[in-house]
Amino acid sequence: MRVVLDRPGVIRLANGPETNTQLTEISEGGLRCGYAETVALGASVELRFTLPLATPKDCLVFGRVQHRHQEGNTYILGIEFNRTAGDVLGAIRTFVQMRQSAK
């Protein structure tokens, strides 16, 4: 299940430059974020962000663009994780469970 995550992050496509992004949703399997340009489906991405837990957790995840659509001047990317360290996955799981139980 996806939950709201209104946090800044940094995205890198393939081996390109890092670019700021805004994360809007997250689940154990992926996330949604904004990007200034269109991105090919299947493109590899690296994302860095901090989860707002009791002790904030810096996260680094790797994935592929599985969905994209345009909203105004921003492209919304659906990223599916394909490589995530165990401690990061645990922090994401904790964050998602906290948000779900707060509903």
Protein backbone atom coordinates (compact mmCIF):
# COMPACT_ATOMS: atom_id res chain seq x y z
CA MET A 1 0.00 0.00 0.00
CA ARG A 2 1.23 3.49 -0.87
CA VAL A 3 1.21 6.33 1.64
CA VAL A 4 1.81 10.06 1.31
CA LEU A 5 5.43 11.19 1.54
CA ASP A 6 5.84 14.91 0.92
CA ARG A 7 9.65 15.11 1.08
CA PRO A 8 12.47 16.48 -1.03
CA GLY A 9 14.96 14.08 -2.53
CA VAL A 10 17.70 13.77 -5.11
CA ILE A 11 17.33 11.67 -8.25
CA ARG A 12 19.94 10.51 -10.75
CA LEU A 13 18.99 8.86 -14.04
CA ALA A 14 21.46 6.24 -15.27
CA ASN A 15 24.86 7.88 -14.68
CA GLY A 16 23.62 11.43 -15.28
CA PRO A 17 23.72 14.43 -12.98
CA GLU A 18 21.85 14.60 -9.69
CA THR A 19 18.63 16.63 -9.74
CA ASN A 20 16.33 17.71 -6.93
CA THR A 21 12.92 16.05 -6.83
CA GLN A 22 9.83 16.01 -4.63
CA LEU A 23 8.64 12.61 -3.42
CA THR A 24 4.87 12.34 -3.10
CA GLU A 25 4.12 8.69 -2.25
CA ILE A 26 6.02 5.63 -1.07
CA SER A 27 5.44 1.92 -0.51
CA GLU A 28 7.71 -1.01 0.25
CA GLY A 29 8.01 -1.60 -3.49
CA GLY A 30 8.47 1.88 -4.91
CA LEU A 31 7.64 5.57 -4.88
CA ARG A 32 6.28 8.49 -6.90
CA CYS A 33 8.22 11.68 -7.54
CA GLY A 34 8.28 14.70 -9.79
CA TYR A 35 10.81 15.37 -12.54
CA ALA A 36 11.28 18.32 -14.92
CA GLU A 37 11.65 16.26 -18.12
CA THR A 38 10.08 13.18 -19.64
CA VAL A 39 11.91 9.94 -18.86
CA ALA A 40 11.89 6.70 -20.82
CA LEU A 41 9.99 3.80 -19.28
CA GLY A 42 12.48 1.29 -17.90
CA ALA A 43 15.13 3.96 -17.21
CA SER A 44 17.38 3.17 -14.25
CA VAL A 45 17.28 5.64 -11.37
CA GLU A 46 19.02 6.23 -8.07
CA LEU A 47 17.17 8.16 -5.35
CA ARG A 48 18.35 9.64 -2.06
CA PHE A 49 15.97 10.99 0.57
CA THR A 50 15.41 11.12 4.31
CA LEU A 51 12.44 9.44 5.99
CA PRO A 52 10.93 11.42 8.88
CA LEU A 53 11.08 8.73 11.57
CA ALA A 54 11.78 9.19 15.30
CA THR A 55 15.42 8.99 14.25
CA PRO A 56 15.48 10.31 10.66
CA LYS A 57 16.76 7.69 8.21
CA ASP A 58 18.84 8.62 5.16
CA CYS A 59 17.81 6.33 2.31
CA LEU A 60 19.45 5.31 -0.96
CA VAL A 61 17.34 3.20 -3.32
CA PHE A 62 17.71 2.03 -6.91
CA GLY A 63 14.89 1.31 -9.30
CA ARG A 64 13.32 1.61 -12.73
CA VAL A 65 10.72 4.00 -14.12
CA GLN A 66 7.54 1.93 -14.50
CA HIS A 67 5.04 4.75 -15.04
CA ARG A 68 5.07 8.40 -16.05
CA HIS A 69 2.53 11.09 -16.78
CA GLN A 70 2.58 14.85 -17.08
CA GLU A 71 0.94 17.24 -14.60
CA GLY A 72 1.47 20.82 -15.76
CA ASN A 73 5.21 21.38 -16.21
CA THR A 74 6.16 18.33 -14.13
CA TYR A 75 6.42 14.66 -15.06
CA ILE A 76 5.25 12.31 -12.32
CA LEU A 77 7.39 9.18 -12.25
CA GLY A 78 6.41 5.85 -10.74
CA ILE A 79 9.62 4.14 -9.63
CA GLU A 80 9.75 0.45 -8.78
CA PHE A 81 12.59 -0.47 -6.42
CA ASN A 82 14.94 -3.17 -7.68
CA ARG A 83 17.77 -2.77 -5.17
CA THR A 84 17.38 -1.54 -1.61
CA ALA A 85 19.56 -2.27 1.43
CA GLY A 86 17.85 -4.24 4.19
CA ASP A 87 18.03 -1.44 6.76
CA VAL A 88 16.52 1.03 4.26
CA LEU A 89 13.73 -1.39 3.36
CA GLY A 90 13.05 -1.84 7.09
CA ALA A 91 12.83 1.93 7.58
CA ILE A 92 10.45 2.26 4.61
CA ARG A 93 8.30 -0.58 6.01
CA THR A 94 8.19 1.14 9.42
CA PHE A 95 7.26 4.48 7.86
CA VAL A 96 4.48 2.94 5.74
CA GLN A 97 3.06 1.05 8.73
CA MET A 98 3.11 4.22 10.88
CA ARG A 99 1.24 6.19 8.18
CA GLN A 100 -1.29 3.40 7.67
CA SER A 101 -2.04 3.11 11.38
CA ALA A 102 -2.42 6.90 11.69
CA LYS A 103 -5.41 6.84 9.31
